[in-house]
Protein backbone atom coordinates (compact mmCIF):
# COMPACT_ATOMS: atom_id res chain seq x y z
CA MET A 1 -44.66 -119.87 -84.01
CA ALA A 2 -45.26 -121.09 -87.55
CA LYS A 3 -44.13 -118.73 -90.29
CA ILE A 4 -44.55 -118.30 -94.04
CA LYS A 5 -41.40 -116.75 -95.46
CA HIS A 6 -41.49 -118.05 -99.03
CA SER A 7 -44.03 -118.68 -101.74
CA VAL A 8 -43.66 -120.63 -104.96
CA TYR A 9 -45.69 -120.19 -108.15
CA THR A 10 -45.70 -122.54 -111.10
CA SER A 11 -47.72 -123.91 -113.98
CA HIS A 12 -48.96 -127.48 -113.55
CA VAL A 13 -49.11 -128.64 -117.17
CA PRO A 14 -49.98 -132.38 -117.22
CA ALA A 15 -47.65 -133.04 -120.16
CA ILE A 16 -44.73 -131.92 -117.97
CA GLY A 17 -45.48 -134.78 -115.58
CA ALA A 18 -45.76 -137.21 -118.49
CA ALA A 19 -42.44 -136.04 -119.93
CA LEU A 20 -40.74 -136.65 -116.59
CA ASP A 21 -42.43 -140.00 -116.00
CA LEU A 22 -41.56 -141.25 -119.50
CA GLY A 23 -37.93 -140.12 -119.34
CA LYS A 24 -38.33 -137.40 -121.97
CA HIS A 25 -37.16 -134.54 -119.77
CA THR A 26 -33.69 -134.50 -121.37
CA GLU A 27 -35.05 -134.24 -124.93
CA PRO A 28 -34.40 -130.80 -126.48
CA TYR A 29 -38.06 -129.74 -126.40
CA TRP A 30 -38.55 -130.53 -122.72
CA LYS A 31 -35.04 -129.77 -121.48
CA LYS A 32 -35.70 -126.05 -121.94
CA VAL A 33 -38.64 -126.34 -119.53
CA PHE A 34 -36.89 -128.42 -116.88
CA ASP A 35 -33.75 -126.27 -117.02
CA GLY A 36 -35.87 -123.42 -115.67
CA TYR A 37 -36.37 -125.39 -112.46
CA GLU A 38 -32.77 -126.42 -111.79
CA PHE A 39 -32.23 -123.39 -109.58
CA SER A 40 -35.51 -124.12 -107.82
CA LYS A 41 -34.63 -127.70 -106.94
CA GLN A 42 -31.34 -126.59 -105.40
CA TRP A 43 -33.07 -123.73 -103.63
CA GLU A 44 -35.61 -126.12 -102.09
CA GLN A 45 -32.80 -128.26 -100.73
CA GLU A 46 -31.33 -125.18 -99.07
CA ASN A 47 -34.70 -123.86 -97.85
CA LYS A 48 -36.49 -127.10 -97.02
CA PRO A 49 -40.00 -126.44 -95.70
CA ASP A 50 -41.59 -128.30 -92.82
CA VAL A 51 -44.98 -128.08 -94.53
CA ILE A 52 -46.29 -126.89 -97.91
CA ILE A 53 -49.76 -125.45 -98.43
CA LEU A 54 -50.33 -126.17 -102.11
CA VAL A 55 -53.07 -124.26 -103.92
CA TYR A 56 -54.30 -126.04 -107.03
CA ASN A 57 -57.45 -127.03 -108.88
CA ASP A 58 -58.83 -130.50 -109.26
CA HIS A 59 -59.57 -131.32 -112.92
CA ALA A 60 -62.81 -133.30 -112.39
CA ASN A 61 -60.88 -136.23 -110.92
CA ASN A 62 -61.57 -136.03 -107.19
CA PHE A 63 -64.55 -133.71 -107.63
CA SER A 64 -66.93 -134.49 -110.49
CA LEU A 65 -68.95 -131.85 -112.28
CA ASP A 66 -71.85 -132.94 -110.06
CA LEU A 67 -70.22 -131.40 -107.00
CA ILE A 68 -67.41 -128.84 -107.04
CA PRO A 69 -66.65 -126.82 -103.89
CA THR A 70 -65.27 -123.33 -104.36
CA PHE A 71 -62.55 -123.92 -101.76
CA ALA A 72 -61.67 -127.34 -100.33
CA LEU A 73 -58.94 -128.01 -97.77
CA GLY A 74 -57.31 -131.43 -97.45
CA THR A 75 -57.27 -132.29 -93.75
CA GLY A 76 -56.36 -135.98 -94.07
CA ALA A 77 -53.19 -137.79 -93.09
CA SER A 78 -52.38 -138.78 -96.69
CA PHE A 79 -53.59 -138.28 -100.27
CA GLU A 80 -53.22 -140.80 -103.09
CA PRO A 81 -52.51 -139.66 -106.66
CA SER A 82 -55.63 -140.04 -108.78
CA ASP A 83 -56.00 -142.08 -111.96
CA GLU A 84 -56.76 -139.48 -114.61
CA GLY A 85 -57.60 -142.06 -117.25
CA TRP A 86 -54.17 -143.53 -118.06
CA GLY A 87 -53.12 -144.88 -114.68
CA LYS A 88 -51.75 -143.15 -111.62
CA ARG A 89 -48.55 -141.15 -111.98
CA PRO A 90 -45.58 -143.08 -110.55
CA VAL A 91 -45.11 -140.59 -107.73
CA PRO A 92 -45.20 -141.02 -103.95
CA THR A 93 -48.32 -140.75 -101.83
CA VAL A 94 -48.69 -137.21 -100.52
CA GLN A 95 -48.45 -137.06 -96.74
CA GLY A 96 -50.67 -134.44 -95.10
CA HIS A 97 -50.40 -132.44 -91.90
CA PRO A 98 -53.79 -132.90 -90.17
CA GLU A 99 -52.89 -130.78 -87.15
CA LEU A 100 -51.94 -127.64 -89.08
CA ALA A 101 -54.76 -128.24 -91.58
CA ALA A 102 -57.32 -128.43 -88.75
CA HIS A 103 -55.94 -125.22 -87.27
CA ILE A 104 -56.13 -123.45 -90.64
CA ALA A 105 -59.69 -124.71 -91.13
CA HIS A 106 -60.81 -123.45 -87.72
CA SER A 107 -59.09 -120.09 -88.12
CA VAL A 108 -60.18 -119.41 -91.70
CA ILE A 109 -63.80 -120.47 -91.12
CA GLN A 110 -63.94 -118.25 -88.04
CA ASP A 111 -62.56 -115.56 -90.36
CA ASP A 112 -65.78 -115.95 -92.41
CA PHE A 113 -64.45 -118.12 -95.25
CA ASP A 114 -66.56 -121.17 -96.04
CA LEU A 115 -64.23 -124.11 -96.66
CA THR A 116 -65.13 -127.65 -97.62
CA LEU A 117 -63.08 -129.97 -95.43
CA CYS A 118 -61.80 -133.17 -97.04
CA ASN A 119 -60.62 -135.87 -94.66
CA LYS A 120 -60.22 -138.11 -97.69
CA MET A 121 -59.39 -137.05 -101.23
CA GLU A 122 -57.23 -137.93 -104.20
CA VAL A 123 -54.92 -135.40 -105.86
CA ASP A 124 -54.29 -135.06 -109.58
CA HIS A 125 -51.59 -133.50 -111.76
CA GLY A 126 -52.54 -130.05 -110.52
CA LEU A 127 -50.78 -130.93 -107.27
CA THR A 128 -48.28 -133.64 -108.22
CA VAL A 129 -46.67 -131.90 -111.22
CA PRO A 130 -45.53 -128.87 -109.14
CA LEU A 131 -44.05 -131.25 -106.56
CA SER A 132 -42.17 -133.09 -109.30
CA LEU A 133 -40.86 -129.85 -110.80
CA MET A 134 -39.55 -128.61 -107.46
CA PHE A 135 -38.29 -131.89 -105.97
CA GLY A 136 -37.66 -134.17 -108.97
CA GLN A 137 -38.20 -137.91 -108.99
CA VAL A 138 -38.07 -139.03 -105.38
CA GLU A 139 -39.13 -142.08 -103.36
CA GLN A 140 -41.04 -139.87 -100.96
CA TRP A 141 -41.88 -136.18 -100.89
CA PRO A 142 -39.55 -134.35 -98.50
CA CYS A 143 -42.30 -132.83 -96.34
CA PRO A 144 -46.04 -132.94 -95.64
CA VAL A 145 -48.38 -131.13 -98.03
CA ILE A 146 -51.78 -129.58 -97.28
CA PRO A 147 -53.84 -129.45 -100.49
CA LEU A 148 -56.10 -126.44 -101.07
CA HIS A 149 -58.41 -126.87 -104.05
CA VAL A 150 -59.92 -123.83 -105.78
CA ASN A 151 -62.70 -124.22 -108.32
CA VAL A 152 -61.60 -122.71 -111.62
CA VAL A 153 -63.18 -125.45 -113.74
CA GLN A 154 -66.90 -124.68 -113.53
CA TYR A 155 -68.18 -121.13 -113.39
CA PRO A 156 -68.67 -119.16 -111.24
CA ALA A 157 -65.05 -119.16 -110.08
CA PRO A 158 -64.00 -117.02 -107.11
CA SER A 159 -62.80 -113.50 -107.82
CA GLY A 160 -59.18 -112.50 -107.62
CA GLN A 161 -60.02 -110.37 -104.60
CA ARG A 162 -61.61 -113.32 -102.81
CA CYS A 163 -58.51 -115.42 -103.51
CA LEU A 164 -56.16 -112.70 -102.27
CA ASP A 165 -58.24 -112.26 -99.12
CA LEU A 166 -58.28 -116.02 -98.50
CA GLY A 167 -54.50 -116.03 -98.73
CA ARG A 168 -54.33 -113.29 -96.13
CA ALA A 169 -56.62 -115.31 -93.85
CA ILE A 170 -54.37 -118.35 -94.31
CA GLY A 171 -51.34 -116.21 -93.47
CA ARG A 172 -52.99 -115.12 -90.23
CA ALA A 173 -53.92 -118.72 -89.44
CA VAL A 174 -50.38 -119.99 -89.92
CA ALA A 175 -48.92 -117.16 -87.84
CA SER A 176 -51.20 -118.15 -84.95
CA TYR A 177 -50.20 -121.83 -84.97
CA ASP A 178 -48.27 -122.63 -81.80
CA GLU A 179 -45.42 -124.67 -83.29
CA ASP A 180 -42.14 -123.61 -84.84
CA LEU A 181 -42.76 -124.54 -88.47
CA ASN A 182 -41.26 -123.24 -91.71
CA VAL A 183 -44.29 -123.17 -94.02
CA GLN A 184 -44.23 -122.50 -97.75
CA ILE A 185 -47.34 -121.69 -99.75
CA TRP A 186 -47.49 -122.54 -103.45
CA GLY A 187 -49.84 -121.14 -106.07
CA THR A 188 -50.20 -123.26 -109.20
CA GLY A 189 -51.98 -123.31 -112.56
CA GLY A 190 -51.95 -121.21 -115.70
CA MET A 191 -50.44 -119.45 -117.46
CA SER A 192 -52.28 -118.32 -120.60
CA HIS A 193 -53.86 -121.25 -122.38
CA GLN A 194 -57.04 -122.40 -124.06
CA LEU A 195 -57.76 -126.04 -124.75
CA GLN A 196 -60.78 -125.87 -127.04
CA GLY A 197 -62.64 -123.82 -129.62
CA PRO A 198 -61.32 -121.53 -132.35
CA ARG A 199 -58.75 -120.01 -129.96
CA ALA A 200 -57.30 -123.36 -128.88
CA GLY A 201 -53.55 -123.02 -128.38
CA LEU A 202 -53.74 -119.34 -127.40
CA ILE A 203 -50.63 -118.04 -125.62
CA ASN A 204 -50.25 -114.39 -124.63
CA ALA A 205 -46.67 -113.92 -123.45
CA GLN A 206 -47.01 -110.16 -122.95
CA TRP A 207 -50.05 -110.55 -120.68
CA ASP A 208 -48.39 -113.41 -118.78
CA ASN A 209 -45.29 -111.39 -117.98
CA GLU A 210 -47.32 -108.34 -117.02
CA PHE A 211 -49.27 -110.62 -114.67
CA LEU A 212 -45.99 -111.71 -113.05
CA ASP A 213 -44.91 -108.08 -112.70
CA ARG A 214 -48.19 -107.13 -111.03
CA LEU A 215 -48.24 -110.19 -108.80
CA ILE A 216 -44.84 -109.20 -107.43
CA ALA A 217 -45.32 -105.46 -107.12
CA ASP A 218 -49.04 -104.71 -106.84
CA PRO A 219 -51.22 -107.72 -105.94
CA ASP A 220 -54.04 -105.46 -104.73
CA ALA A 221 -54.49 -103.97 -108.19
CA LEU A 222 -54.14 -107.39 -109.79
CA ALA A 223 -56.89 -108.73 -107.52
CA ARG A 224 -59.33 -106.27 -109.09
CA VAL A 225 -58.85 -107.66 -112.61
CA PRO A 226 -62.24 -109.12 -113.66
CA HIS A 227 -62.68 -112.66 -114.92
CA ILE A 228 -63.50 -111.48 -118.43
CA ASP A 229 -60.00 -110.01 -118.75
CA TYR A 230 -58.45 -113.39 -117.91
CA VAL A 231 -60.64 -115.12 -120.49
CA ARG A 232 -60.06 -112.54 -123.21
CA GLU A 233 -56.32 -112.11 -122.68
CA ALA A 234 -55.21 -115.48 -121.26
CA GLY A 235 -57.75 -117.92 -122.68
CA SER A 236 -60.54 -119.89 -121.06
CA GLU A 237 -58.13 -121.81 -118.83
CA GLY A 238 -56.11 -118.71 -117.96
CA ILE A 239 -58.52 -118.18 -115.05
CA GLU A 240 -56.33 -120.67 -113.15
CA LEU A 241 -54.03 -117.74 -112.44
CA VAL A 242 -56.37 -116.43 -109.71
CA MET A 243 -54.99 -119.28 -107.58
CA TRP A 244 -51.60 -117.53 -107.54
CA LEU A 245 -53.31 -114.70 -105.65
CA VAL A 246 -54.09 -117.04 -102.75
CA ALA A 247 -50.37 -117.71 -102.28
CA ARG A 248 -49.49 -114.03 -102.79
CA GLY A 249 -52.05 -112.98 -100.19
CA ALA A 250 -50.29 -115.05 -97.54
CA MET A 251 -47.09 -113.04 -98.09
CA ASN A 252 -46.07 -109.56 -96.99
CA PRO A 253 -46.94 -106.63 -99.27
CA HIS A 254 -43.27 -106.26 -100.23
CA VAL A 255 -41.27 -109.25 -101.44
CA ASP A 256 -37.95 -110.09 -103.07
CA VAL A 257 -37.76 -112.26 -106.17
CA ARG A 258 -35.49 -115.25 -105.68
CA HIS A 259 -36.21 -116.80 -109.09
CA ARG A 260 -38.26 -116.00 -112.17
CA PHE A 261 -38.73 -118.17 -115.24
CA TYR A 262 -41.02 -118.02 -118.27
CA HIS A 263 -40.99 -120.31 -121.29
CA VAL A 264 -43.10 -120.96 -124.37
CA PRO A 265 -44.23 -123.56 -125.23
CA ALA A 266 -44.84 -126.60 -123.05
CA SER A 267 -47.51 -128.70 -124.70
CA ASN A 268 -50.06 -126.05 -125.76
CA THR A 269 -49.41 -123.50 -123.05
CA ALA A 270 -46.82 -121.25 -121.47
CA VAL A 271 -44.86 -122.07 -118.31
CA GLY A 272 -44.45 -119.45 -115.62
CA HIS A 273 -42.56 -119.80 -112.34
CA LEU A 274 -41.63 -117.55 -109.40
CA ILE A 275 -40.05 -117.93 -105.99
CA LEU A 276 -40.78 -115.00 -103.68
CA GLU A 277 -39.35 -114.18 -100.25
CA ASN A 278 -40.85 -111.80 -97.71
CA LYS A 279 -38.91 -108.64 -97.09
CA GLU A 280 -38.17 -108.27 -93.40
CA THR A 281 -40.12 -105.47 -91.79
CA ALA A 282 -38.65 -103.19 -89.16
């Protein structure tokens, strides 16, 4: 049977992708960021997944402000990187896994979650930057990826509890898939940042690290944190962190930390990163 044993969490700052694409990743400013992922790249080689479910948000590239689904699952065979206004990133086409995606869609919808199903979609930096951080510059991504978009761009965004519950439904769906697959689930976005207004450039390192602590040890309590707390403490774009709860929900209640990294700054935000492994239950 398919199994989720590991989850990965990371910021998806667009400037990180640009730094890598333009060969600036060895410059002192950016090297501190990329050094935090050296362990992760080696770890991925040693724990190569068969499929990744990657939770991210589209930034009005595939979905315009005219139509934004709350949750959208990529069920296609492949997904092209989108042109976000300065040309497509020089990264490989993302290969999907239509069979597992269709199974997840059927299971989760029968579990009373309303998903938008996308047989065709483009993916932006929200999805490609995490892949670059974890796998580096490659000619092709090492495994298929199932994109799961969450609307955190236009309010109302889903609650933390809804995201955690969706992750649990995805975990049940994967566990019921009749093929021996090693599946990873990734939660991306955040951490604290605000891109506009008088608080532009806001970074709250204390809140970020407390969020990481709670995500690891007490996701149920974290899921009850209201949106206004994210906005007040982590900035208007800090709401992206609810997507990490989708990935955490697919894991067991108790986990081990394989890697933890936090760095300020990267562009005008903080970078957070975790690798979690399920504790084996008796």
